[in-house]
Amino acid sequence: MKSLRISLLVAFICTAGSLAIASAPTLTITVTNNSSREIRHLYLSSAGNDNWGSDQLNNSSIGAGTSRQLNVSWEESTVKLVAEDQDGCFLSTTVAASGEPGWTIDNNTSRNCGD
């Protein structure tokens, strides 16, 4: 009887662990830089939240005229993207976390340069 309980407990823990891992779907976000500035950092956060995660570019950049696809785990219905350009200015947008979300940055994209 005791071994049956232990077996059931182990099975439950394994199943719960699998569900926890599977609960954060992978999302592919395409960021296209059609501006004349290099994007040096890219962060993700919840919409309406200024607590950004780690830099998604991992010490690389998105050069002018290029794009980058990010594969991230995301559980919420929207995701806020915050980019920092070569001048230290921040650009941001919020996209739906479904389908094939994308963000195109151009020279008219509003920047916050701390002014």
C-alpha atoms as a PDB file:
ATOM      1  CA  MET A   1       0.000   0.000   0.000  1.00  0.00           C
ATOM      2  CA  LYS A   2       2.817   2.352   0.914  1.00  0.00           C
ATOM      3  CA  SER A   3       4.633   1.682  -2.374  1.00  0.00           C
ATOM      4  CA  LEU A   4       1.401   2.379  -4.287  1.00  0.00           C
ATOM      5  CA  ARG A   5       1.094   5.799  -2.608  1.00  0.00           C
ATOM      6  CA  ILE A   6       4.714   6.608  -3.407  1.00  0.00           C
ATOM      7  CA  SER A   7       4.214   5.536  -7.027  1.00  0.00           C
ATOM      8  CA  LEU A   8       1.101   7.694  -7.327  1.00  0.00           C
ATOM      9  CA  LEU A   9       2.900  10.651  -5.737  1.00  0.00           C
ATOM     10  CA  VAL A  10       5.835  10.327  -8.148  1.00  0.00           C
ATOM     11  CA  ALA A  11       3.458  10.089 -11.123  1.00  0.00           C
ATOM     12  CA  PHE A  12       1.587  13.179  -9.931  1.00  0.00           C
ATOM     13  CA  ILE A  13       4.803  15.177  -9.503  1.00  0.00           C
ATOM     14  CA  CYS A  14       6.028  14.184 -12.968  1.00  0.00           C
ATOM     15  CA  THR A  15       2.697  15.106 -14.550  1.00  0.00           C
ATOM     16  CA  ALA A  16       2.505  18.437 -12.710  1.00  0.00           C
ATOM     17  CA  GLY A  17       6.084  19.226 -13.715  1.00  0.00           C
ATOM     18  CA  SER A  18       5.316  18.500 -17.364  1.00  0.00           C
ATOM     19  CA  LEU A  19       2.257  20.744 -17.259  1.00  0.00           C
ATOM     20  CA  ALA A  20       4.244  23.583 -15.695  1.00  0.00           C
ATOM     21  CA  ILE A  21       6.856  23.385 -18.430  1.00  0.00           C
ATOM     22  CA  ALA A  22       4.230  23.177 -21.178  1.00  0.00           C
ATOM     23  CA  SER A  23       2.221  26.129 -19.848  1.00  0.00           C
ATOM     24  CA  ALA A  24       4.542  28.799 -21.311  1.00  0.00           C
ATOM     25  CA  PRO A  25       4.145  28.588 -25.096  1.00  0.00           C
ATOM     26  CA  THR A  26       6.987  29.640 -27.362  1.00  0.00           C
ATOM     27  CA  LEU A  27       6.335  32.805 -29.312  1.00  0.00           C
ATOM     28  CA  THR A  28       8.342  33.972 -32.329  1.00  0.00           C
ATOM     29  CA  ILE A  29       8.520  37.759 -32.608  1.00  0.00           C
ATOM     30  CA  THR A  30      10.096  39.434 -35.648  1.00  0.00           C
ATOM     31  CA  VAL A  31      11.720  42.836 -35.098  1.00  0.00           C
ATOM     32  CA  THR A  32      12.571  44.676 -38.324  1.00  0.00           C
ATOM     33  CA  ASN A  33      14.863  47.698 -38.151  1.00  0.00           C
ATOM     34  CA  ASN A  34      14.102  49.976 -41.099  1.00  0.00           C
ATOM     35  CA  SER A  35      15.643  52.961 -39.307  1.00  0.00           C
ATOM     36  CA  SER A  36      19.098  54.431 -39.846  1.00  0.00           C
ATOM     37  CA  ARG A  37      20.091  53.569 -36.256  1.00  0.00           C
ATOM     38  CA  GLU A  38      21.436  50.351 -34.794  1.00  0.00           C
ATOM     39  CA  ILE A  39      19.310  48.663 -32.116  1.00  0.00           C
ATOM     40  CA  ARG A  40      21.699  47.576 -29.372  1.00  0.00           C
ATOM     41  CA  HIS A  41      19.346  46.173 -26.716  1.00  0.00           C
ATOM     42  CA  LEU A  42      15.861  44.667 -26.749  1.00  0.00           C
ATOM     43  CA  TYR A  43      13.828  43.910 -23.641  1.00  0.00           C
ATOM     44  CA  LEU A  44      10.437  42.301 -22.961  1.00  0.00           C
ATOM     45  CA  SER A  45       7.917  43.109 -20.267  1.00  0.00           C
ATOM     46  CA  SER A  46       4.260  42.815 -19.495  1.00  0.00           C
ATOM     47  CA  ALA A  47       2.132  45.557 -21.048  1.00  0.00           C
ATOM     48  CA  GLY A  48       1.877  48.508 -18.668  1.00  0.00           C
ATOM     49  CA  ASN A  49       4.903  47.318 -16.693  1.00  0.00           C
ATOM     50  CA  ASP A  50       8.346  48.907 -16.630  1.00  0.00           C
ATOM     51  CA  ASN A  51      10.116  45.896 -15.098  1.00  0.00           C
ATOM     52  CA  TRP A  52      11.967  44.604 -18.148  1.00  0.00           C
ATOM     53  CA  GLY A  53      13.556  41.225 -18.446  1.00  0.00           C
ATOM     54  CA  SER A  54      17.068  40.542 -19.670  1.00  0.00           C
ATOM     55  CA  ASP A  55      18.451  41.787 -22.987  1.00  0.00           C
ATOM     56  CA  GLN A  56      17.092  39.513 -25.717  1.00  0.00           C
ATOM     57  CA  LEU A  57      19.906  40.370 -28.153  1.00  0.00           C
ATOM     58  CA  ASN A  58      22.604  38.687 -26.026  1.00  0.00           C
ATOM     59  CA  ASN A  59      25.437  41.142 -26.804  1.00  0.00           C
ATOM     60  CA  SER A  60      24.515  41.461 -30.474  1.00  0.00           C
ATOM     61  CA  SER A  61      22.510  44.112 -32.306  1.00  0.00           C
ATOM     62  CA  ILE A  62      19.937  44.667 -35.042  1.00  0.00           C
ATOM     63  CA  GLY A  63      21.637  46.769 -37.685  1.00  0.00           C
ATOM     64  CA  ALA A  64      19.898  49.285 -39.918  1.00  0.00           C
ATOM     65  CA  GLY A  65      17.977  47.475 -42.646  1.00  0.00           C
ATOM     66  CA  THR A  66      18.030  44.075 -40.923  1.00  0.00           C
ATOM     67  CA  SER A  67      15.640  42.027 -38.826  1.00  0.00           C
ATOM     68  CA  ARG A  68      15.817  39.518 -36.012  1.00  0.00           C
ATOM     69  CA  GLN A  69      13.489  36.759 -34.872  1.00  0.00           C
ATOM     70  CA  LEU A  70      13.169  36.155 -31.148  1.00  0.00           C
ATOM     71  CA  ASN A  71      11.878  32.854 -29.772  1.00  0.00           C
ATOM     72  CA  VAL A  72      10.581  33.494 -26.281  1.00  0.00           C
ATOM     73  CA  SER A  73       8.349  31.785 -23.745  1.00  0.00           C
ATOM     74  CA  TRP A  74       5.403  34.031 -22.975  1.00  0.00           C
ATOM     75  CA  GLU A  75       2.185  33.332 -21.072  1.00  0.00           C
ATOM     76  CA  GLU A  76       0.336  36.661 -21.357  1.00  0.00           C
ATOM     77  CA  SER A  77      -1.907  37.875 -24.185  1.00  0.00           C
ATOM     78  CA  THR A  78       0.345  40.838 -25.027  1.00  0.00           C
ATOM     79  CA  VAL A  79       4.046  41.579 -24.777  1.00  0.00           C
ATOM     80  CA  LYS A  80       5.749  44.960 -24.509  1.00  0.00           C
ATOM     81  CA  LEU A  81       8.942  45.332 -26.564  1.00  0.00           C
ATOM     82  CA  VAL A  82      11.464  47.978 -25.516  1.00  0.00           C
ATOM     83  CA  ALA A  83      14.446  48.709 -27.772  1.00  0.00           C
ATOM     84  CA  GLU A  84      17.471  50.875 -27.055  1.00  0.00           C
ATOM     85  CA  ASP A  85      19.216  52.423 -30.029  1.00  0.00           C
ATOM     86  CA  GLN A  86      22.825  53.501 -30.549  1.00  0.00           C
ATOM     87  CA  ASP A  87      22.063  56.939 -29.064  1.00  0.00           C
ATOM     88  CA  GLY A  88      20.745  55.434 -25.802  1.00  0.00           C
ATOM     89  CA  CYS A  89      17.154  56.347 -26.696  1.00  0.00           C
ATOM     90  CA  PHE A  90      14.298  53.961 -25.962  1.00  0.00           C
ATOM     91  CA  LEU A  91      11.525  52.904 -28.335  1.00  0.00           C
ATOM     92  CA  SER A  92       8.614  50.705 -27.357  1.00  0.00           C
ATOM     93  CA  THR A  93       5.491  49.022 -28.590  1.00  0.00           C
ATOM     94  CA  THR A  94       3.040  46.378 -27.409  1.00  0.00           C
ATOM     95  CA  VAL A  95       2.094  43.448 -29.632  1.00  0.00           C
ATOM     96  CA  ALA A  96      -0.348  40.560 -29.340  1.00  0.00           C
ATOM     97  CA  ALA A  97       1.317  37.375 -28.134  1.00  0.00           C
ATOM     98  CA  SER A  98      -0.351  35.211 -30.746  1.00  0.00           C
ATOM     99  CA  GLY A  99       0.075  34.403 -34.383  1.00  0.00           C
ATOM    100  CA  GLU A 100       3.240  35.906 -35.842  1.00  0.00           C
ATOM    101  CA  PRO A 101       3.748  39.234 -34.032  1.00  0.00           C
ATOM    102  CA  GLY A 102       6.159  41.726 -35.482  1.00  0.00           C
ATOM    103  CA  TRP A 103       7.480  45.228 -34.921  1.00  0.00           C
ATOM    104  CA  THR A 104       8.912  47.416 -37.655  1.00  0.00           C
ATOM    105  CA  ILE A 105      11.077  50.276 -36.410  1.00  0.00           C
ATOM    106  CA  ASP A 106      11.696  53.172 -38.770  1.00  0.00           C
ATOM    107  CA  ASN A 107      13.044  56.731 -38.483  1.00  0.00           C
ATOM    108  CA  ASN A 108       9.562  57.970 -37.517  1.00  0.00           C
ATOM    109  CA  THR A 109       9.196  55.577 -34.558  1.00  0.00           C
ATOM    110  CA  SER A 110       8.841  57.689 -31.419  1.00  0.00           C
ATOM    111  CA  ARG A 111      11.962  57.690 -29.207  1.00  0.00           C
ATOM    112  CA  ASN A 112      12.399  58.597 -25.542  1.00  0.00           C
ATOM    113  CA  CYS A 113      15.856  60.111 -25.179  1.00  0.00           C
ATOM    114  CA  GLY A 114      15.342  61.347 -21.624  1.00  0.00           C
ATOM    115  CA  ASP A 115      14.742  64.952 -22.695  1.00  0.00           C
END
